């Protein structure tokens, strides 16, 4: 496997699930990328798929937030622009680690 972004995401999921087994099923990927034919792309879009949606979601609420979206980016291909469907200046914040 040569995809660094994929390897990093897999390592992140493994680490989280080992460190927080109680929440293992609450941390999952959002399969929103990859190459698809036109028909499959149209079906996914009709099902609600949006460009720019984060790679991972932690569905554990606290007193302030309903969960945490995690975007994994390769330093050579950083995220560009505002994700589709998220208003400019929306409540979400991007934090680079």
PDB file of N, CA and C in Angstrom:
ATOM      1  N   UNK A   1       0.845  -1.172   0.000  1.00  0.00           N
ATOM      2  CA  UNK A   1       0.000   0.000   0.000  1.00  0.00           C
ATOM      3  C   UNK A   1       0.895   1.241   0.000  1.00  0.00           C
ATOM      4  N   UNK A   2       0.683   2.109  -0.966  1.00  0.00           N
ATOM      5  CA  UNK A   2       1.508   3.296  -1.099  1.00  0.00           C
ATOM      6  C   UNK A   2       0.767   4.566  -0.676  1.00  0.00           C
ATOM      7  N   UNK A   3      -0.490   4.477  -0.371  1.00  0.00           N
ATOM      8  CA  UNK A   3      -1.282   5.647  -0.040  1.00  0.00           C
ATOM      9  C   UNK A   3      -1.035   6.051   1.414  1.00  0.00           C
ATOM     10  N   UNK A   4      -0.236   7.104   1.611  1.00  0.00           N
ATOM     11  CA  UNK A   4       0.137   7.549   2.953  1.00  0.00           C
ATOM     12  C   UNK A   4      -1.085   8.006   3.741  1.00  0.00           C
ATOM     13  N   UNK A   5      -2.009   8.697   3.084  1.00  0.00           N
ATOM     14  CA  UNK A   5      -3.215   9.162   3.772  1.00  0.00           C
ATOM     15  C   UNK A   5      -4.023   7.983   4.317  1.00  0.00           C
ATOM     16  N   UNK A   6      -4.145   6.926   3.538  1.00  0.00           N
ATOM     17  CA  UNK A   6      -4.869   5.731   3.968  1.00  0.00           C
ATOM     18  C   UNK A   6      -4.154   5.053   5.129  1.00  0.00           C
ATOM     19  N   UNK A   7      -2.843   4.929   5.036  1.00  0.00           N
ATOM     20  CA  UNK A   7      -2.072   4.298   6.109  1.00  0.00           C
ATOM     21  C   UNK A   7      -2.206   5.082   7.413  1.00  0.00           C
ATOM     22  N   UNK A   8      -2.154   6.407   7.315  1.00  0.00           N
ATOM     23  CA  UNK A   8      -2.279   7.259   8.494  1.00  0.00           C
ATOM     24  C   UNK A   8      -3.662   7.112   9.117  1.00  0.00           C
ATOM     25  N   UNK A   9      -4.694   7.086   8.278  1.00  0.00           N
ATOM     26  CA  UNK A   9      -6.053   6.948   8.785  1.00  0.00           C
ATOM     27  C   UNK A   9      -6.241   5.592   9.453  1.00  0.00           C
ATOM     28  N   UNK A  10      -5.730   4.533   8.851  1.00  0.00           N
ATOM     29  CA  UNK A  10      -5.838   3.204   9.449  1.00  0.00           C
ATOM     30  C   UNK A  10      -5.140   3.158  10.801  1.00  0.00           C
ATOM     31  N   UNK A  11      -3.969   3.773  10.900  1.00  0.00           N
ATOM     32  CA  UNK A  11      -3.235   3.808  12.167  1.00  0.00           C
ATOM     33  C   UNK A  11      -4.004   4.600  13.222  1.00  0.00           C
ATOM     34  N   UNK A  12      -4.621   5.698  12.817  1.00  0.00           N
ATOM     35  CA  UNK A  12      -5.421   6.516  13.728  1.00  0.00           C
ATOM     36  C   UNK A  12      -6.587   5.715  14.290  1.00  0.00           C
ATOM     37  N   UNK A  13      -7.281   4.984  13.423  1.00  0.00           N
ATOM     38  CA  UNK A  13      -8.432   4.175  13.859  1.00  0.00           C
ATOM     39  C   UNK A  13      -7.969   3.057  14.796  1.00  0.00           C
ATOM     40  N   UNK A  14      -6.883   2.364  14.441  1.00  0.00           N
ATOM     41  CA  UNK A  14      -6.365   1.295  15.307  1.00  0.00           C
ATOM     42  C   UNK A  14      -6.003   1.846  16.679  1.00  0.00           C
ATOM     43  N   UNK A  15      -5.277   2.968  16.697  1.00  0.00           N
ATOM     44  CA  UNK A  15      -4.852   3.575  17.955  1.00  0.00           C
ATOM     45  C   UNK A  15      -6.065   3.942  18.813  1.00  0.00           C
ATOM     46  N   UNK A  16      -7.021   4.645  18.203  1.00  0.00           N
ATOM     47  CA  UNK A  16      -8.196   5.070  18.961  1.00  0.00           C
ATOM     48  C   UNK A  16      -8.935   3.880  19.547  1.00  0.00           C
ATOM     49  N   UNK A  17      -9.151   2.852  18.738  1.00  0.00           N
ATOM     50  CA  UNK A  17      -9.927   1.689  19.199  1.00  0.00           C
ATOM     51  C   UNK A  17      -9.202   0.905  20.280  1.00  0.00           C
ATOM     52  N   UNK A  18      -7.873   0.930  20.271  1.00  0.00           N
ATOM     53  CA  UNK A  18      -7.111   0.279  21.340  1.00  0.00           C
ATOM     54  C   UNK A  18      -7.128   1.115  22.613  1.00  0.00           C
ATOM     55  N   UNK A  19      -7.003   2.432  22.473  1.00  0.00           N
ATOM     56  CA  UNK A  19      -6.967   3.315  23.635  1.00  0.00           C
ATOM     57  C   UNK A  19      -8.335   3.507  24.283  1.00  0.00           C
ATOM     58  N   UNK A  20      -9.395   3.478  23.466  1.00  0.00           N
ATOM     59  CA  UNK A  20     -10.747   3.747  23.949  1.00  0.00           C
ATOM     60  C   UNK A  20     -11.712   2.651  23.477  1.00  0.00           C
ATOM     61  N   UNK A  21     -11.520   1.423  23.961  1.00  0.00           N
ATOM     62  CA  UNK A  21     -12.355   0.312  23.473  1.00  0.00           C
ATOM     63  C   UNK A  21     -13.848   0.526  23.730  1.00  0.00           C
ATOM     64  N   UNK A  22     -14.178   1.278  24.768  1.00  0.00           N
ATOM     65  CA  UNK A  22     -15.588   1.561  25.071  1.00  0.00           C
ATOM     66  C   UNK A  22     -16.267   2.309  23.921  1.00  0.00           C
ATOM     67  N   UNK A  23     -15.499   3.121  23.203  1.00  0.00           N
ATOM     68  CA  UNK A  23     -16.041   3.935  22.114  1.00  0.00           C
ATOM     69  C   UNK A  23     -15.623   3.425  20.728  1.00  0.00           C
ATOM     70  N   UNK A  24     -15.096   2.218  20.657  1.00  0.00           N
ATOM     71  CA  UNK A  24     -14.580   1.685  19.387  1.00  0.00           C
ATOM     72  C   UNK A  24     -15.614   1.734  18.271  1.00  0.00           C
ATOM     73  N   UNK A  25     -16.857   1.397  18.575  1.00  0.00           N
ATOM     74  CA  UNK A  25     -17.899   1.404  17.564  1.00  0.00           C
ATOM     75  C   UNK A  25     -18.443   2.784  17.241  1.00  0.00           C
ATOM     76  N   UNK A  26     -17.998   3.779  17.993  1.00  0.00           N
ATOM     77  CA  UNK A  26     -18.464   5.159  17.789  1.00  0.00           C
ATOM     78  C   UNK A  26     -17.495   5.966  16.925  1.00  0.00           C
ATOM     79  N   UNK A  27     -16.387   5.378  16.534  1.00  0.00           N
ATOM     80  CA  UNK A  27     -15.376   6.064  15.721  1.00  0.00           C
ATOM     81  C   UNK A  27     -15.294   5.327  14.398  1.00  0.00           C
ATOM     82  N   UNK A  28     -15.765   5.952  13.345  1.00  0.00           N
ATOM     83  CA  UNK A  28     -15.870   5.247  12.072  1.00  0.00           C
ATOM     84  C   UNK A  28     -15.575   6.174  10.901  1.00  0.00           C
ATOM     85  N   UNK A  29     -15.314   5.555   9.761  1.00  0.00           N
ATOM     86  CA  UNK A  29     -15.001   6.317   8.550  1.00  0.00           C
ATOM     87  C   UNK A  29     -16.279   6.660   7.796  1.00  0.00           C
ATOM     88  N   UNK A  30     -16.173   7.721   7.022  1.00  0.00           N
ATOM     89  CA  UNK A  30     -17.248   8.148   6.143  1.00  0.00           C
ATOM     90  C   UNK A  30     -16.733   7.916   4.723  1.00  0.00           C
ATOM     91  N   UNK A  31     -17.124   6.823   4.073  1.00  0.00           N
ATOM     92  CA  UNK A  31     -16.582   6.504   2.743  1.00  0.00           C
ATOM     93  C   UNK A  31     -17.137   7.463   1.694  1.00  0.00           C
ATOM     94  N   UNK A  32     -16.362   8.497   1.407  1.00  0.00           N
ATOM     95  CA  UNK A  32     -16.848   9.550   0.529  1.00  0.00           C
ATOM     96  C   UNK A  32     -15.881   9.833  -0.611  1.00  0.00           C
ATOM     97  N   UNK A  33     -14.825   9.052  -0.735  1.00  0.00           N
ATOM     98  CA  UNK A  33     -13.840   9.310  -1.779  1.00  0.00           C
ATOM     99  C   UNK A  33     -13.702   8.124  -2.702  1.00  0.00           C
ATOM    100  N   UNK A  34     -12.724   8.184  -3.543  1.00  0.00           N
ATOM    101  CA  UNK A  34     -12.460   7.080  -4.446  1.00  0.00           C
ATOM    102  C   UNK A  34     -12.989   7.319  -5.840  1.00  0.00           C
ATOM    103  N   UNK A  35     -12.555   6.495  -6.737  1.00  0.00           N
ATOM    104  CA  UNK A  35     -12.972   6.608  -8.133  1.00  0.00           C
ATOM    105  C   UNK A  35     -14.237   5.801  -8.360  1.00  0.00           C
ATOM    106  N   UNK A  36     -15.204   6.448  -9.006  1.00  0.00           N
ATOM    107  CA  UNK A  36     -16.475   5.780  -9.270  1.00  0.00           C
ATOM    108  C   UNK A  36     -16.938   6.138 -10.668  1.00  0.00           C
ATOM    109  N   UNK A  37     -17.755   5.271 -11.239  1.00  0.00           N
ATOM    110  CA  UNK A  37     -18.342   5.596 -12.539  1.00  0.00           C
ATOM    111  C   UNK A  37     -19.465   6.615 -12.340  1.00  0.00           C
ATOM    112  N   UNK A  38     -19.964   7.170 -13.414  1.00  0.00           N
ATOM    113  CA  UNK A  38     -20.969   8.228 -13.370  1.00  0.00           C
ATOM    114  C   UNK A  38     -22.257   7.782 -12.685  1.00  0.00           C
ATOM    115  N   UNK A  39     -22.709   6.568 -12.968  1.00  0.00           N
ATOM    116  CA  UNK A  39     -23.956   6.071 -12.383  1.00  0.00           C
ATOM    117  C   UNK A  39     -23.813   5.936 -10.866  1.00  0.00           C
ATOM    118  N   UNK A  40     -22.726   5.336 -10.403  1.00  0.00           N
ATOM    119  CA  UNK A  40     -22.507   5.174  -8.964  1.00  0.00           C
ATOM    120  C   UNK A  40     -22.398   6.533  -8.288  1.00  0.00           C
ATOM    121  N   UNK A  41     -21.696   7.471  -8.911  1.00  0.00           N
ATOM    122  CA  UNK A  41     -21.581   8.824  -8.371  1.00  0.00           C
ATOM    123  C   UNK A  41     -22.934   9.493  -8.226  1.00  0.00           C
ATOM    124  N   UNK A  42     -23.797   9.325  -9.224  1.00  0.00           N
ATOM    125  CA  UNK A  42     -25.142   9.911  -9.170  1.00  0.00           C
ATOM    126  C   UNK A  42     -25.967   9.284  -8.058  1.00  0.00           C
ATOM    127  N   UNK A  43     -25.849   7.982  -7.889  1.00  0.00           N
ATOM    128  CA  UNK A  43     -26.589   7.291  -6.826  1.00  0.00           C
ATOM    129  C   UNK A  43     -26.122   7.786  -5.454  1.00  0.00           C
ATOM    130  N   UNK A  44     -24.801   7.864  -5.250  1.00  0.00           N
ATOM    131  CA  UNK A  44     -24.268   8.331  -3.969  1.00  0.00           C
ATOM    132  C   UNK A  44     -24.696   9.760  -3.680  1.00  0.00           C
ATOM    133  N   UNK A  45     -24.677  10.610  -4.701  1.00  0.00           N
ATOM    134  CA  UNK A  45     -25.097  11.995  -4.515  1.00  0.00           C
ATOM    135  C   UNK A  45     -26.573  12.049  -4.121  1.00  0.00           C
ATOM    136  N   UNK A  46     -27.408  11.232  -4.755  1.00  0.00           N
ATOM    137  CA  UNK A  46     -28.830  11.185  -4.412  1.00  0.00           C
ATOM    138  C   UNK A  46     -29.045  10.661  -2.994  1.00  0.00           C
ATOM    139  N   UNK A  47     -28.126   9.825  -2.526  1.00  0.00           N
ATOM    140  CA  UNK A  47     -28.204   9.283  -1.166  1.00  0.00           C
ATOM    141  C   UNK A  47     -27.703  10.271  -0.121  1.00  0.00           C
ATOM    142  N   UNK A  48     -27.143  11.397  -0.574  1.00  0.00           N
ATOM    143  CA  UNK A  48     -26.701  12.425   0.362  1.00  0.00           C
ATOM    144  C   UNK A  48     -25.212  12.639   0.449  1.00  0.00           C
ATOM    145  N   UNK A  49     -24.421  11.981  -0.389  1.00  0.00           N
ATOM    146  CA  UNK A  49     -22.976  12.171  -0.357  1.00  0.00           C
ATOM    147  C   UNK A  49     -22.630  13.610  -0.719  1.00  0.00           C
ATOM    148  N   UNK A  50     -21.687  14.199   0.006  1.00  0.00           N
ATOM    149  CA  UNK A  50     -21.233  15.559  -0.247  1.00  0.00           C
ATOM    150  C   UNK A  50     -19.724  15.583  -0.374  1.00  0.00           C
ATOM    151  N   UNK A  51     -19.224  16.401  -1.275  1.00  0.00           N
ATOM    152  CA  UNK A  51     -17.780  16.572  -1.421  1.00  0.00           C
ATOM    153  C   UNK A  51     -17.238  17.300  -0.194  1.00  0.00           C
ATOM    154  N   UNK A  52     -16.061  16.918   0.254  1.00  0.00           N
ATOM    155  CA  UNK A  52     -15.401  17.619   1.339  1.00  0.00           C
ATOM    156  C   UNK A  52     -15.797  17.187   2.737  1.00  0.00           C
ATOM    157  N   UNK A  53     -16.641  16.164   2.865  1.00  0.00           N
ATOM    158  CA  UNK A  53     -17.022  15.688   4.187  1.00  0.00           C
ATOM    159  C   UNK A  53     -15.817  15.002   4.827  1.00  0.00           C
ATOM    160  N   UNK A  54     -15.655  15.186   6.116  1.00  0.00           N
ATOM    161  CA  UNK A  54     -14.494  14.646   6.824  1.00  0.00           C
ATOM    162  C   UNK A  54     -14.402  13.128   6.698  1.00  0.00           C
ATOM    163  N   UNK A  55     -13.183  12.613   6.871  1.00  0.00           N
ATOM    164  CA  UNK A  55     -12.901  11.188   6.700  1.00  0.00           C
ATOM    165  C   UNK A  55     -13.443  10.321   7.833  1.00  0.00           C
ATOM    166  N   UNK A  56     -13.387  10.825   9.055  1.00  0.00           N
ATOM    167  CA  UNK A  56     -13.759  10.041  10.230  1.00  0.00           C
ATOM    168  C   UNK A  56     -14.739  10.833  11.084  1.00  0.00           C
ATOM    169  N   UNK A  57     -15.562  10.106  11.839  1.00  0.00           N
ATOM    170  CA  UNK A  57     -16.488  10.761  12.755  1.00  0.00           C
ATOM    171  C   UNK A  57     -16.498  10.017  14.077  1.00  0.00           C
ATOM    172  N   UNK A  58     -16.399  10.764  15.160  1.00  0.00           N
ATOM    173  CA  UNK A  58     -16.522  10.223  16.511  1.00  0.00           C
ATOM    174  C   UNK A  58     -17.890  10.645  17.027  1.00  0.00           C
ATOM    175  N   UNK A  59     -18.813   9.710  17.128  1.00  0.00           N
ATOM    176  CA  UNK A  59     -20.195  10.020  17.489  1.00  0.00           C
ATOM    177  C   UNK A  59     -20.413   9.926  18.998  1.00  0.00           C
ATOM    178  N   UNK A  60     -19.626  10.703  19.738  1.00  0.00           N
ATOM    179  CA  UNK A  60     -19.741  10.765  21.187  1.00  0.00           C
ATOM    180  C   UNK A  60     -19.986  12.230  21.559  1.00  0.00           C
ATOM    181  N   UNK A  61     -21.190  12.557  22.001  1.00  0.00           N
ATOM    182  CA  UNK A  61     -21.489  13.951  22.347  1.00  0.00           C
ATOM    183  C   UNK A  61     -20.933  14.321  23.719  1.00  0.00           C
ATOM    184  N   UNK A  62     -20.776  15.633  23.906  1.00  0.00           N
ATOM    185  CA  UNK A  62     -20.478  16.160  25.235  1.00  0.00           C
ATOM    186  C   UNK A  62     -21.453  17.303  25.497  1.00  0.00           C
ATOM    187  N   UNK A  63     -21.184  18.153  26.448  1.00  0.00           N
ATOM    188  CA  UNK A  63     -22.118  19.228  26.775  1.00  0.00           C
ATOM    189  C   UNK A  63     -22.199  20.313  25.708  1.00  0.00           C
ATOM    190  N   UNK A  64     -21.224  20.368  24.818  1.00  0.00           N
ATOM    191  CA  UNK A  64     -21.154  21.439  23.828  1.00  0.00           C
ATOM    192  C   UNK A  64     -21.347  20.925  22.402  1.00  0.00           C
ATOM    193  N   UNK A  65     -20.737  19.809  22.070  1.00  0.00           N
ATOM    194  CA  UNK A  65     -20.725  19.303  20.699  1.00  0.00           C
ATOM    195  C   UNK A  65     -21.429  17.948  20.602  1.00  0.00           C
ATOM    196  N   UNK A  66     -21.903  17.651  19.416  1.00  0.00           N
ATOM    197  CA  UNK A  66     -22.600  16.386  19.182  1.00  0.00           C
ATOM    198  C   UNK A  66     -21.669  15.288  18.697  1.00  0.00           C
ATOM    199  N   UNK A  67     -20.417  15.614  18.468  1.00  0.00           N
ATOM    200  CA  UNK A  67     -19.437  14.655  17.997  1.00  0.00           C
ATOM    201  C   UNK A  67     -18.234  15.391  17.441  1.00  0.00           C
ATOM    202  N   UNK A  68     -17.330  14.640  16.834  1.00  0.00           N
ATOM    203  CA  UNK A  68     -16.106  15.219  16.306  1.00  0.00           C
ATOM    204  C   UNK A  68     -15.830  14.647  14.925  1.00  0.00           C
ATOM    205  N   UNK A  69     -15.675  15.524  13.947  1.00  0.00           N
ATOM    206  CA  UNK A  69     -15.270  15.119  12.603  1.00  0.00           C
ATOM    207  C   UNK A  69     -13.759  15.243  12.502  1.00  0.00           C
ATOM    208  N   UNK A  70     -13.122  14.262  11.886  1.00  0.00           N
ATOM    209  CA  UNK A  70     -11.669  14.252  11.735  1.00  0.00           C
ATOM    210  C   UNK A  70     -11.341  14.132  10.252  1.00  0.00           C
ATOM    211  N   UNK A  71     -10.571  15.078   9.736  1.00  0.00           N
ATOM    212  CA  UNK A  71     -10.128  15.050   8.343  1.00  0.00           C
ATOM    213  C   UNK A  71      -8.644  14.711   8.323  1.00  0.00           C
ATOM    214  N   UNK A  72      -8.297  13.689   7.593  1.00  0.00           N
ATOM    215  CA  UNK A  72      -6.917  13.239   7.471  1.00  0.00           C
ATOM    216  C   UNK A  72      -6.396  13.684   6.107  1.00  0.00           C
ATOM    217  N   UNK A  73      -5.331  14.472   6.097  1.00  0.00           N
ATOM    218  CA  UNK A  73      -4.791  14.979   4.838  1.00  0.00           C
ATOM    219  C   UNK A  73      -3.310  14.666   4.704  1.00  0.00           C
ATOM    220  N   UNK A  74      -2.915  14.364   3.511  1.00  0.00           N
ATOM    221  CA  UNK A  74      -1.513  14.194   3.158  1.00  0.00           C
ATOM    222  C   UNK A  74      -0.902  15.589   3.042  1.00  0.00           C
ATOM    223  N   UNK A  75       0.255  15.828   3.651  1.00  0.00           N
ATOM    224  CA  UNK A  75       0.883  17.150   3.591  1.00  0.00           C
ATOM    225  C   UNK A  75       1.140  17.597   2.161  1.00  0.00           C
ATOM    226  N   UNK A  76       1.323  16.640   1.266  1.00  0.00           N
ATOM    227  CA  UNK A  76       1.581  16.980  -0.140  1.00  0.00           C
ATOM    228  C   UNK A  76       0.309  17.389  -0.865  1.00  0.00           C
ATOM    229  N   UNK A  77      -0.866  17.006  -0.309  1.00  0.00           N
ATOM    230  CA  UNK A  77      -2.158  17.346  -0.923  1.00  0.00           C
ATOM    231  C   UNK A  77      -3.090  17.875   0.159  1.00  0.00           C
ATOM    232  N   UNK A  78      -2.861  19.114   0.631  1.00  0.00           N
ATOM    233  CA  UNK A  78      -3.683  19.641   1.718  1.00  0.00           C
ATOM    234  C   UNK A  78      -5.123  19.895   1.287  1.00  0.00           C
ATOM    235  N   UNK A  79      -6.011  20.001   2.265  1.00  0.00           N
ATOM    236  CA  UNK A  79      -7.419  20.297   2.004  1.00  0.00           C
ATOM    237  C   UNK A  79      -7.538  21.671   1.362  1.00  0.00           C
ATOM    238  N   UNK A  80      -8.439  21.789   0.420  1.00  0.00           N
ATOM    239  CA  UNK A  80      -8.641  23.067  -0.256  1.00  0.00           C
ATOM    240  C   UNK A  80     -10.102  23.455  -0.181  1.00  0.00           C
ATOM    241  N   UNK A  81     -10.354  24.722   0.026  1.00  0.00           N
ATOM    242  CA  UNK A  81     -11.714  25.236  -0.033  1.00  0.00           C
ATOM    243  C   UNK A  81     -12.597  24.809   1.130  1.00  0.00           C
ATOM    244  N   UNK A  82     -13.819  25.266   1.060  1.00  0.00           N
ATOM    245  CA  UNK A  82     -14.826  24.967   2.070  1.00  0.00           C
ATOM    246  C   UNK A  82     -15.575  23.697   1.670  1.00  0.00           C
ATOM    247  N   UNK A  83     -15.776  22.759   2.595  1.00  0.00           N
ATOM    248  CA  UNK A  83     -16.548  21.561   2.272  1.00  0.00           C
ATOM    249  C   UNK A  83     -17.941  21.913   1.764  1.00  0.00           C
ATOM    250  N   UNK A  84     -18.437  21.135   0.826  1.00  0.00           N
ATOM    251  CA  UNK A  84     -19.765  21.349   0.252  1.00  0.00           C
ATOM    252  C   UNK A  84     -20.841  21.254   1.330  1.00  0.00           C
ATOM    253  N   UNK A  85     -21.779  22.197   1.322  1.00  0.00           N
ATOM    254  CA  UNK A  85     -22.891  22.150   2.257  1.00  0.00           C
ATOM    255  C   UNK A  85     -22.599  22.765   3.615  1.00  0.00           C
ATOM    256  N   UNK A  86     -21.366  23.187   3.872  1.00  0.00           N
ATOM    257  CA  UNK A  86     -21.018  23.823   5.144  1.00  0.00           C
ATOM    258  C   UNK A  86     -20.901  25.322   4.888  1.00  0.00           C
ATOM    259  N   UNK A  87     -21.695  26.149   5.543  1.00  0.00           N
ATOM    260  CA  UNK A  87     -21.630  27.580   5.293  1.00  0.00           C
ATOM    261  C   UNK A  87     -20.280  28.159   5.684  1.00  0.00           C
ATOM    262  N   UNK A  88     -19.832  29.156   4.949  1.00  0.00           N
ATOM    263  CA  UNK A  88     -18.568  29.831   5.256  1.00  0.00           C
ATOM    264  C   UNK A  88     -18.659  30.376   6.681  1.00  0.00           C
ATOM    265  N   UNK A  89     -17.654  30.133   7.485  1.00  0.00           N
ATOM    266  CA  UNK A  89     -17.669  30.602   8.872  1.00  0.00           C
ATOM    267  C   UNK A  89     -18.572  29.768   9.762  1.00  0.00           C
ATOM    268  N   UNK A  90     -18.889  28.536   9.311  1.00  0.00           N
ATOM    269  CA  UNK A  90     -19.747  27.644  10.095  1.00  0.00           C
ATOM    270  C   UNK A  90     -19.115  27.295  11.427  1.00  0.00           C
ATOM    271  N   UNK A  91     -19.845  26.567  12.265  1.00  0.00           N
ATOM    272  CA  UNK A  91     -19.376  26.285  13.625  1.00  0.00           C
ATOM    273  C   UNK A  91     -18.159  25.370  13.660  1.00  0.00           C
ATOM    274  N   UNK A  92     -17.924  24.629  12.604  1.00  0.00           N
ATOM    275  CA  UNK A  92     -16.796  23.721  12.593  1.00  0.00           C
ATOM    276  C   UNK A  92     -15.469  24.448  12.543  1.00  0.00           C
ATOM    277  N   UNK A  93     -14.442  23.849  13.084  1.00  0.00           N
ATOM    278  CA  UNK A  93     -13.105  24.438  13.057  1.00  0.00           C
ATOM    279  C   UNK A  93     -12.132  23.417  12.499  1.00  0.00           C
ATOM    280  N   UNK A  94     -11.164  23.894  11.741  1.00  0.00           N
ATOM    281  CA  UNK A  94     -10.102  23.016  11.249  1.00  0.00           C
ATOM    282  C   UNK A  94      -8.873  23.221  12.089  1.00  0.00           C
ATOM    283  N   UNK A  95      -8.352  22.130  12.612  1.00  0.00           N
ATOM    284  CA  UNK A  95      -7.161  22.181  13.433  1.00  0.00           C
ATOM    285  C   UNK A  95      -6.135  21.270  12.801  1.00  0.00           C
ATOM    286  N   UNK A  96      -4.957  21.812  12.502  1.00  0.00           N
ATOM    287  CA  UNK A  96      -3.899  21.000  11.910  1.00  0.00           C
ATOM    288  C   UNK A  96      -3.012  20.447  13.008  1.00  0.00           C
ATOM    289  N   UNK A  97      -2.801  19.125  12.956  1.00  0.00           N
ATOM    290  CA  UNK A  97      -1.959  18.471  13.969  1.00  0.00           C
ATOM    291  C   UNK A  97      -0.706  17.963  13.301  1.00  0.00           C
TER     292      UNK A  97
END
